[in-house]
Amino acid sequence: MSNLDFFKACLANELKATHDIIAALPTDQLSYKPHEVSRSAYEIAEHIVAHVYDFSVILSSGQCDECLTMPFSSAAEGAQKLNELWGKTQQMLENYDENSFNTTPVELLVEGRSILTIPRANMMWFFLFDIIHHRGQLSTYIRPMGGKNPAVYGWSADSLNG
């Protein structure tokens, strides 16, 4: 299996879990944060959705000025926006060239400041792993927010107990 095919398979597998975590956030508690220095649930979810937007930029350009905001008004809307952007990325990857995926350099910028330049594939994996990391953060917020954790890589106590 090529790196591109493996990435596409992993991306497809992570969509449902990421969608379900964002959709499980109680909308009336999106400002929740466990500690004063922590990001709020909304800020983390918005960051995840923005990273999914960034996938399309990374695939179509040699430069990605990281999208830091992708506003939404409810958990359901955030989850829907994530699905739409994720679908666009999957479509872009359908006929993507393996060589271009693996070797084309992409520069990461944050607010116009160059951070690093790495091959496109590495940048895509970097963003996917960051999404998974932040999804894990959100999963720890859901119960204290009054919600129920969906299954991610197997059953959760909440999915077993209704």
N, C-alpha and C. Protein backbone atom coordinates (compact mmCIF):
# COMPACT_ATOMS: atom_id res chain seq x y z
N MET A 1 0.85 -1.18 0.00
CA MET A 1 0.00 0.00 0.00
C MET A 1 0.89 1.24 0.00
N SER A 2 0.59 2.18 -0.85
CA SER A 2 1.38 3.41 -0.93
C SER A 2 1.05 4.33 0.25
N ASN A 3 1.93 5.31 0.45
CA ASN A 3 1.71 6.31 1.50
C ASN A 3 0.40 7.05 1.26
N LEU A 4 0.13 7.42 0.02
CA LEU A 4 -1.10 8.12 -0.31
C LEU A 4 -2.33 7.25 -0.01
N ASP A 5 -2.29 5.99 -0.42
CA ASP A 5 -3.42 5.10 -0.15
C ASP A 5 -3.62 4.89 1.35
N PHE A 6 -2.52 4.77 2.08
CA PHE A 6 -2.61 4.60 3.53
C PHE A 6 -3.19 5.86 4.18
N PHE A 7 -2.75 7.02 3.71
CA PHE A 7 -3.30 8.27 4.25
C PHE A 7 -4.79 8.36 3.99
N LYS A 8 -5.21 8.05 2.76
CA LYS A 8 -6.64 8.11 2.43
C LYS A 8 -7.45 7.16 3.32
N ALA A 9 -6.93 5.97 3.57
CA ALA A 9 -7.63 5.01 4.43
C ALA A 9 -7.72 5.53 5.86
N CYS A 10 -6.63 6.07 6.37
CA CYS A 10 -6.63 6.60 7.74
C CYS A 10 -7.57 7.81 7.85
N LEU A 11 -7.53 8.68 6.86
CA LEU A 11 -8.40 9.85 6.86
C LEU A 11 -9.86 9.42 6.91
N ALA A 12 -10.23 8.46 6.09
CA ALA A 12 -11.61 7.97 6.07
C ALA A 12 -12.00 7.38 7.42
N ASN A 13 -11.09 6.65 8.05
CA ASN A 13 -11.38 6.03 9.34
C ASN A 13 -11.55 7.04 10.46
N GLU A 14 -10.85 8.15 10.39
CA GLU A 14 -10.90 9.15 11.47
C GLU A 14 -12.10 10.08 11.36
N LEU A 15 -12.75 10.15 10.21
CA LEU A 15 -13.86 11.09 10.02
C LEU A 15 -15.00 10.86 11.00
N LYS A 16 -15.50 9.64 11.10
CA LYS A 16 -16.67 9.38 11.93
C LYS A 16 -16.40 9.74 13.39
N ALA A 17 -15.26 9.30 13.92
CA ALA A 17 -14.94 9.58 15.32
C ALA A 17 -14.82 11.08 15.57
N THR A 18 -14.20 11.80 14.65
CA THR A 18 -14.02 13.24 14.82
C THR A 18 -15.36 13.95 14.74
N HIS A 19 -16.17 13.58 13.77
CA HIS A 19 -17.52 14.14 13.65
C HIS A 19 -18.32 13.88 14.92
N ASP A 20 -18.30 12.63 15.38
CA ASP A 20 -19.12 12.26 16.54
C ASP A 20 -18.70 12.98 17.81
N ILE A 21 -17.41 13.20 18.00
CA ILE A 21 -16.95 13.93 19.19
C ILE A 21 -17.45 15.37 19.14
N ILE A 22 -17.32 16.04 18.01
CA ILE A 22 -17.79 17.43 17.91
C ILE A 22 -19.30 17.48 18.06
N ALA A 23 -20.01 16.56 17.43
CA ALA A 23 -21.48 16.54 17.54
C ALA A 23 -21.94 16.26 18.96
N ALA A 24 -21.14 15.57 19.76
CA ALA A 24 -21.52 15.22 21.14
C ALA A 24 -21.35 16.37 22.13
N LEU A 25 -20.69 17.44 21.71
CA LEU A 25 -20.49 18.57 22.61
C LEU A 25 -21.83 19.25 22.89
N PRO A 26 -22.21 19.41 24.15
CA PRO A 26 -23.45 20.14 24.44
C PRO A 26 -23.30 21.61 24.02
N THR A 27 -24.12 22.03 23.08
CA THR A 27 -24.00 23.38 22.51
C THR A 27 -24.07 24.46 23.57
N ASP A 28 -24.86 24.25 24.61
CA ASP A 28 -25.00 25.28 25.65
C ASP A 28 -23.80 25.32 26.59
N GLN A 29 -22.83 24.45 26.38
CA GLN A 29 -21.64 24.38 27.23
C GLN A 29 -20.34 24.58 26.44
N LEU A 30 -20.42 25.12 25.22
CA LEU A 30 -19.23 25.23 24.37
C LEU A 30 -18.14 26.12 24.96
N SER A 31 -18.49 26.96 25.90
CA SER A 31 -17.48 27.81 26.54
C SER A 31 -16.72 27.08 27.65
N TYR A 32 -17.10 25.84 27.94
CA TYR A 32 -16.46 25.07 29.01
C TYR A 32 -14.97 24.89 28.74
N LYS A 33 -14.20 25.06 29.80
CA LYS A 33 -12.78 24.68 29.79
C LYS A 33 -12.42 24.21 31.19
N PRO A 34 -11.61 23.16 31.28
CA PRO A 34 -11.32 22.56 32.58
C PRO A 34 -10.38 23.37 33.46
N HIS A 35 -9.68 24.31 32.86
CA HIS A 35 -8.71 25.11 33.60
C HIS A 35 -8.61 26.46 32.90
N GLU A 36 -8.26 27.47 33.63
CA GLU A 36 -8.22 28.83 33.06
C GLU A 36 -7.25 28.97 31.89
N VAL A 37 -6.19 28.17 31.83
CA VAL A 37 -5.26 28.27 30.71
C VAL A 37 -5.64 27.36 29.54
N SER A 38 -6.64 26.51 29.73
CA SER A 38 -7.09 25.61 28.67
C SER A 38 -7.90 26.36 27.63
N ARG A 39 -7.92 25.83 26.42
CA ARG A 39 -8.85 26.33 25.41
C ARG A 39 -10.25 25.86 25.77
N SER A 40 -11.23 26.61 25.33
CA SER A 40 -12.62 26.18 25.52
C SER A 40 -12.93 25.06 24.54
N ALA A 41 -14.00 24.34 24.83
CA ALA A 41 -14.45 23.28 23.92
C ALA A 41 -14.69 23.87 22.52
N TYR A 42 -15.31 25.04 22.46
CA TYR A 42 -15.55 25.68 21.17
C TYR A 42 -14.23 25.96 20.44
N GLU A 43 -13.27 26.52 21.15
CA GLU A 43 -11.99 26.86 20.52
C GLU A 43 -11.29 25.63 19.96
N ILE A 44 -11.34 24.53 20.69
CA ILE A 44 -10.70 23.31 20.20
C ILE A 44 -11.45 22.76 18.99
N ALA A 45 -12.77 22.71 19.08
CA ALA A 45 -13.57 22.20 17.95
C ALA A 45 -13.37 23.07 16.72
N GLU A 46 -13.35 24.38 16.90
CA GLU A 46 -13.14 25.30 15.77
C GLU A 46 -11.76 25.07 15.16
N HIS A 47 -10.77 24.82 15.99
CA HIS A 47 -9.40 24.54 15.52
C HIS A 47 -9.37 23.26 14.69
N ILE A 48 -10.09 22.24 15.13
CA ILE A 48 -10.16 20.98 14.37
C ILE A 48 -10.78 21.23 13.01
N VAL A 49 -11.91 21.91 12.98
CA VAL A 49 -12.60 22.17 11.71
C VAL A 49 -11.70 23.01 10.79
N ALA A 50 -10.99 23.98 11.36
CA ALA A 50 -10.08 24.80 10.56
C ALA A 50 -8.95 23.95 9.96
N HIS A 51 -8.45 22.99 10.73
CA HIS A 51 -7.41 22.10 10.19
C HIS A 51 -7.94 21.27 9.02
N VAL A 52 -9.18 20.87 9.10
CA VAL A 52 -9.76 20.10 7.99
C VAL A 52 -9.83 21.00 6.74
N TYR A 53 -10.16 22.27 6.92
CA TYR A 53 -10.09 23.22 5.80
C TYR A 53 -8.66 23.29 5.27
N ASP A 54 -7.69 23.33 6.18
CA ASP A 54 -6.28 23.43 5.77
C ASP A 54 -5.84 22.28 4.87
N PHE A 55 -6.44 21.10 5.03
CA PHE A 55 -6.10 19.98 4.15
C PHE A 55 -6.22 20.39 2.68
N SER A 56 -7.31 21.06 2.33
CA SER A 56 -7.52 21.43 0.92
C SER A 56 -6.49 22.45 0.46
N VAL A 57 -6.06 23.32 1.36
CA VAL A 57 -5.03 24.30 1.01
C VAL A 57 -3.70 23.59 0.79
N ILE A 58 -3.35 22.67 1.67
CA ILE A 58 -2.09 21.94 1.55
C ILE A 58 -2.06 21.15 0.23
N LEU A 59 -3.19 20.59 -0.15
CA LEU A 59 -3.25 19.79 -1.38
C LEU A 59 -3.22 20.63 -2.65
N SER A 60 -3.55 21.90 -2.54
CA SER A 60 -3.66 22.72 -3.75
C SER A 60 -2.62 23.82 -3.85
N SER A 61 -1.76 23.95 -2.85
CA SER A 61 -0.82 25.07 -2.84
C SER A 61 0.52 24.64 -2.24
N GLY A 62 1.52 25.41 -2.50
CA GLY A 62 2.84 25.17 -1.91
C GLY A 62 3.02 25.89 -0.60
N GLN A 63 1.94 26.52 -0.13
CA GLN A 63 2.01 27.29 1.09
C GLN A 63 0.67 27.20 1.81
N CYS A 64 0.72 27.02 3.12
CA CYS A 64 -0.50 26.98 3.92
C CYS A 64 -0.34 27.93 5.09
N ASP A 65 -1.08 29.05 5.04
CA ASP A 65 -1.12 29.94 6.20
C ASP A 65 -2.25 29.41 7.07
N GLU A 66 -1.88 28.69 8.11
CA GLU A 66 -2.82 27.94 8.92
C GLU A 66 -4.08 28.74 9.24
N CYS A 67 -5.21 28.14 8.88
CA CYS A 67 -6.50 28.75 9.18
C CYS A 67 -6.75 28.57 10.68
N LEU A 68 -6.88 29.65 11.39
CA LEU A 68 -7.01 29.56 12.83
C LEU A 68 -8.47 29.60 13.30
N THR A 69 -9.37 30.02 12.44
CA THR A 69 -10.78 30.07 12.85
C THR A 69 -11.66 29.51 11.74
N MET A 70 -12.72 28.87 12.13
CA MET A 70 -13.73 28.34 11.23
C MET A 70 -15.04 28.35 12.03
N PRO A 71 -15.63 29.54 12.17
CA PRO A 71 -16.76 29.73 13.08
C PRO A 71 -17.99 28.86 12.77
N PHE A 72 -18.70 28.50 13.84
CA PHE A 72 -19.98 27.80 13.76
C PHE A 72 -20.78 28.18 15.00
N SER A 73 -22.08 27.95 14.96
CA SER A 73 -22.94 28.41 16.06
C SER A 73 -23.45 27.30 16.96
N SER A 74 -23.28 26.05 16.56
CA SER A 74 -23.73 24.93 17.38
C SER A 74 -22.82 23.73 17.11
N ALA A 75 -22.85 22.78 18.02
CA ALA A 75 -22.05 21.57 17.81
C ALA A 75 -22.47 20.86 16.53
N ALA A 76 -23.77 20.81 16.27
CA ALA A 76 -24.26 20.15 15.06
C ALA A 76 -23.74 20.86 13.81
N GLU A 77 -23.74 22.19 13.83
CA GLU A 77 -23.23 22.94 12.67
C GLU A 77 -21.73 22.71 12.50
N GLY A 78 -20.98 22.68 13.60
CA GLY A 78 -19.54 22.42 13.52
C GLY A 78 -19.26 21.04 12.94
N ALA A 79 -20.03 20.04 13.39
CA ALA A 79 -19.87 18.68 12.88
C ALA A 79 -20.22 18.60 11.40
N GLN A 80 -21.26 19.32 11.00
CA GLN A 80 -21.66 19.33 9.59
C GLN A 80 -20.59 20.01 8.72
N LYS A 81 -20.07 21.13 9.20
CA LYS A 81 -19.01 21.84 8.47
C LYS A 81 -17.78 20.94 8.33
N LEU A 82 -17.45 20.22 9.40
CA LEU A 82 -16.33 19.29 9.36
C LEU A 82 -16.57 18.25 8.27
N ASN A 83 -17.76 17.67 8.23
CA ASN A 83 -18.07 16.64 7.21
C ASN A 83 -17.91 17.19 5.80
N GLU A 84 -18.41 18.39 5.56
CA GLU A 84 -18.33 18.99 4.22
C GLU A 84 -16.87 19.20 3.81
N LEU A 85 -16.08 19.76 4.71
CA LEU A 85 -14.67 20.02 4.40
C LEU A 85 -13.89 18.72 4.24
N TRP A 86 -14.19 17.75 5.07
CA TRP A 86 -13.52 16.44 5.01
C TRP A 86 -13.84 15.77 3.67
N GLY A 87 -15.11 15.86 3.26
CA GLY A 87 -15.51 15.29 1.97
C GLY A 87 -14.77 15.93 0.81
N LYS A 88 -14.57 17.25 0.89
CA LYS A 88 -13.83 17.95 -0.16
C LYS A 88 -12.39 17.44 -0.23
N THR A 89 -11.79 17.22 0.93
CA THR A 89 -10.42 16.69 0.97
C THR A 89 -10.38 15.29 0.36
N GLN A 90 -11.34 14.45 0.73
CA GLN A 90 -11.36 13.09 0.18
C GLN A 90 -11.52 13.12 -1.33
N GLN A 91 -12.34 14.02 -1.85
CA GLN A 91 -12.50 14.15 -3.31
C GLN A 91 -11.20 14.58 -3.95
N MET A 92 -10.52 15.54 -3.35
CA MET A 92 -9.25 16.01 -3.90
C MET A 92 -8.22 14.88 -3.95
N LEU A 93 -8.25 14.01 -2.96
CA LEU A 93 -7.28 12.92 -2.88
C LEU A 93 -7.58 11.78 -3.85
N GLU A 94 -8.80 11.70 -4.35
CA GLU A 94 -9.20 10.57 -5.21
C GLU A 94 -8.25 10.34 -6.38
N ASN A 95 -7.88 11.39 -7.07
CA ASN A 95 -7.01 11.24 -8.24
C ASN A 95 -5.67 11.94 -8.03
N TYR A 96 -5.26 12.04 -6.79
CA TYR A 96 -4.03 12.76 -6.48
C TYR A 96 -2.82 11.94 -6.91
N ASP A 97 -1.80 12.62 -7.37
CA ASP A 97 -0.57 12.00 -7.83
C ASP A 97 0.31 11.62 -6.64
N GLU A 98 0.71 10.36 -6.57
CA GLU A 98 1.53 9.85 -5.46
C GLU A 98 2.83 10.63 -5.32
N ASN A 99 3.50 10.89 -6.42
CA ASN A 99 4.76 11.61 -6.37
C ASN A 99 4.58 13.02 -5.83
N SER A 100 3.57 13.71 -6.31
CA SER A 100 3.29 15.07 -5.82
C SER A 100 2.94 15.05 -4.34
N PHE A 101 2.18 14.04 -3.91
CA PHE A 101 1.80 13.91 -2.51
C PHE A 101 3.05 13.72 -1.64
N ASN A 102 3.97 12.91 -2.09
CA ASN A 102 5.13 12.55 -1.26
C ASN A 102 6.30 13.52 -1.32
N THR A 103 6.44 14.26 -2.42
CA THR A 103 7.68 15.03 -2.57
C THR A 103 7.51 16.54 -2.67
N THR A 104 6.35 17.04 -3.03
CA THR A 104 6.19 18.49 -3.20
C THR A 104 6.30 19.20 -1.85
N PRO A 105 7.20 20.17 -1.75
CA PRO A 105 7.34 20.89 -0.48
C PRO A 105 6.16 21.84 -0.25
N VAL A 106 5.74 21.92 0.99
CA VAL A 106 4.69 22.86 1.40
C VAL A 106 5.22 23.63 2.60
N GLU A 107 5.09 24.93 2.53
CA GLU A 107 5.53 25.80 3.62
C GLU A 107 4.35 26.08 4.54
N LEU A 108 4.55 25.88 5.83
CA LEU A 108 3.53 26.20 6.83
C LEU A 108 3.81 27.58 7.38
N LEU A 109 2.78 28.41 7.32
CA LEU A 109 2.84 29.75 7.89
C LEU A 109 1.80 29.85 9.00
N VAL A 110 2.09 30.66 9.99
CA VAL A 110 1.09 30.99 11.01
C VAL A 110 1.06 32.50 11.07
N GLU A 111 -0.09 33.06 10.69
CA GLU A 111 -0.26 34.51 10.61
C GLU A 111 0.84 35.15 9.78
N GLY A 112 1.16 34.52 8.64
CA GLY A 112 2.13 35.05 7.70
C GLY A 112 3.58 34.75 8.02
N ARG A 113 3.85 34.15 9.17
CA ARG A 113 5.22 33.85 9.59
C ARG A 113 5.56 32.41 9.24
N SER A 114 6.65 32.22 8.51
CA SER A 114 7.08 30.89 8.09
C SER A 114 7.53 30.08 9.31
N ILE A 115 6.95 28.86 9.43
CA ILE A 115 7.29 27.98 10.54
C ILE A 115 8.20 26.85 10.07
N LEU A 116 7.83 26.19 8.97
CA LEU A 116 8.63 25.11 8.43
C LEU A 116 8.17 24.79 7.02
N THR A 117 9.02 24.11 6.27
CA THR A 117 8.70 23.60 4.95
C THR A 117 9.03 22.12 4.94
N ILE A 118 8.03 21.30 4.61
CA ILE A 118 8.19 19.85 4.59
C ILE A 118 7.40 19.28 3.41
N PRO A 119 7.65 18.04 3.01
CA PRO A 119 6.88 17.44 1.92
C PRO A 119 5.37 17.43 2.24
N ARG A 120 4.58 17.59 1.21
CA ARG A 120 3.12 17.64 1.34
C ARG A 120 2.58 16.48 2.19
N ALA A 121 3.03 15.27 1.94
CA ALA A 121 2.55 14.11 2.70
C ALA A 121 2.80 14.30 4.20
N ASN A 122 4.00 14.77 4.54
CA ASN A 122 4.32 14.98 5.95
C ASN A 122 3.42 16.03 6.57
N MET A 123 3.11 17.07 5.80
CA MET A 123 2.23 18.13 6.30
C MET A 123 0.83 17.59 6.52
N MET A 124 0.35 16.75 5.60
CA MET A 124 -0.99 16.17 5.76
C MET A 124 -1.04 15.28 7.00
N TRP A 125 -0.03 14.44 7.20
CA TRP A 125 0.02 13.59 8.39
C TRP A 125 0.10 14.45 9.65
N PHE A 126 0.90 15.49 9.62
CA PHE A 126 1.05 16.41 10.76
C PHE A 126 -0.30 16.97 11.17
N PHE A 127 -1.08 17.43 10.20
CA PHE A 127 -2.39 18.01 10.49
C PHE A 127 -3.37 16.94 10.97
N LEU A 128 -3.33 15.74 10.37
CA LEU A 128 -4.22 14.68 10.81
C LEU A 128 -3.91 14.28 12.26
N PHE A 129 -2.64 14.15 12.59
CA PHE A 129 -2.29 13.79 13.97
C PHE A 129 -2.69 14.89 14.95
N ASP A 130 -2.59 16.13 14.53
CA ASP A 130 -3.01 17.23 15.40
C ASP A 130 -4.52 17.18 15.63
N ILE A 131 -5.27 16.86 14.59
CA ILE A 131 -6.73 16.70 14.73
C ILE A 131 -7.04 15.59 15.73
N ILE A 132 -6.35 14.46 15.62
CA ILE A 132 -6.58 13.34 16.52
C ILE A 132 -6.24 13.75 17.96
N HIS A 133 -5.15 14.46 18.13
CA HIS A 133 -4.75 14.95 19.45
C HIS A 133 -5.84 15.83 20.06
N HIS A 134 -6.31 16.79 19.29
CA HIS A 134 -7.34 17.71 19.81
C HIS A 134 -8.67 17.01 20.01
N ARG A 135 -8.97 16.03 19.19
CA ARG A 135 -10.19 15.24 19.40
C ARG A 135 -10.12 14.54 20.76
N GLY A 136 -8.95 14.03 21.11
CA GLY A 136 -8.76 13.41 22.42
C GLY A 136 -8.98 14.40 23.55
N GLN A 137 -8.50 15.62 23.37
CA GLN A 137 -8.77 16.65 24.38
C GLN A 137 -10.27 16.84 24.56
N LEU A 138 -10.97 16.99 23.44
CA LEU A 138 -12.42 17.21 23.52
C LEU A 138 -13.14 16.05 24.19
N SER A 139 -12.66 14.84 23.97
CA SER A 139 -13.34 13.68 24.57
C SER A 139 -13.29 13.76 26.09
N THR A 140 -12.27 14.41 26.64
CA THR A 140 -12.21 14.56 28.10
C THR A 140 -13.10 15.68 28.61
N TYR A 141 -13.56 16.54 27.74
CA TYR A 141 -14.43 17.65 28.12
C TYR A 141 -15.90 17.24 28.18
N ILE A 142 -16.29 16.26 27.38
CA ILE A 142 -17.71 15.97 27.15
C ILE A 142 -18.47 15.63 28.42
N ARG A 143 -17.97 14.71 29.22
CA ARG A 143 -18.70 14.34 30.45
C ARG A 143 -18.82 15.51 31.42
N PRO A 144 -17.74 16.24 31.72
CA PRO A 144 -17.89 17.39 32.62
C PRO A 144 -18.85 18.46 32.07
N MET A 145 -19.03 18.47 30.75
CA MET A 145 -19.97 19.41 30.13
C MET A 145 -21.41 18.91 30.22
N GLY A 146 -21.59 17.66 30.69
CA GLY A 146 -22.93 17.09 30.80
C GLY A 146 -23.34 16.24 29.62
N GLY A 147 -22.39 15.94 28.74
CA GLY A 147 -22.69 15.14 27.56
C GLY A 147 -22.28 13.69 27.73
N LYS A 148 -22.44 12.93 26.65
CA LYS A 148 -22.07 11.52 26.63
C LYS A 148 -21.04 11.30 25.55
N ASN A 149 -19.98 10.58 25.92
CA ASN A 149 -18.90 10.30 24.98
C ASN A 149 -19.31 9.24 23.97
N PRO A 150 -19.16 9.54 22.69
CA PRO A 150 -19.41 8.51 21.66
C PRO A 150 -18.23 7.54 21.60
N ALA A 151 -18.44 6.43 20.96
CA ALA A 151 -17.36 5.48 20.72
C ALA A 151 -16.36 6.10 19.74
N VAL A 152 -15.08 5.93 20.01
CA VAL A 152 -14.05 6.43 19.11
C VAL A 152 -13.30 5.25 18.50
N TYR A 153 -12.51 4.55 19.29
CA TYR A 153 -11.79 3.36 18.81
C TYR A 153 -12.35 2.10 19.45
N GLY A 154 -13.55 2.14 19.86
CA GLY A 154 -14.21 1.05 20.55
C GLY A 154 -15.31 1.66 21.39
N TRP A 155 -15.98 0.87 22.16
CA TRP A 155 -17.11 1.37 22.94
C TRP A 155 -16.64 2.29 24.05
N SER A 156 -17.47 3.25 24.38
CA SER A 156 -17.23 4.06 25.58
C SER A 156 -18.25 3.63 26.61
N ALA A 157 -18.00 3.95 27.86
CA ALA A 157 -18.97 3.62 28.91
C ALA A 157 -20.32 4.25 28.59
N ASP A 158 -20.29 5.44 27.99
CA ASP A 158 -21.55 6.12 27.66
C ASP A 158 -22.31 5.41 26.55
N SER A 159 -21.58 4.86 25.57
CA SER A 159 -22.28 4.17 24.49
C SER A 159 -22.80 2.80 24.94
N LEU A 160 -22.16 2.20 25.92
CA LEU A 160 -22.64 0.92 26.46
C LEU A 160 -23.85 1.10 27.37
N ASN A 161 -23.87 2.23 28.08
CA ASN A 161 -24.93 2.48 29.06
C ASN A 161 -26.02 3.40 28.53
N GLY A 162 -26.05 3.60 27.24
CA GLY A 162 -27.10 4.41 26.63
C GLY A 162 -26.82 5.83 26.79
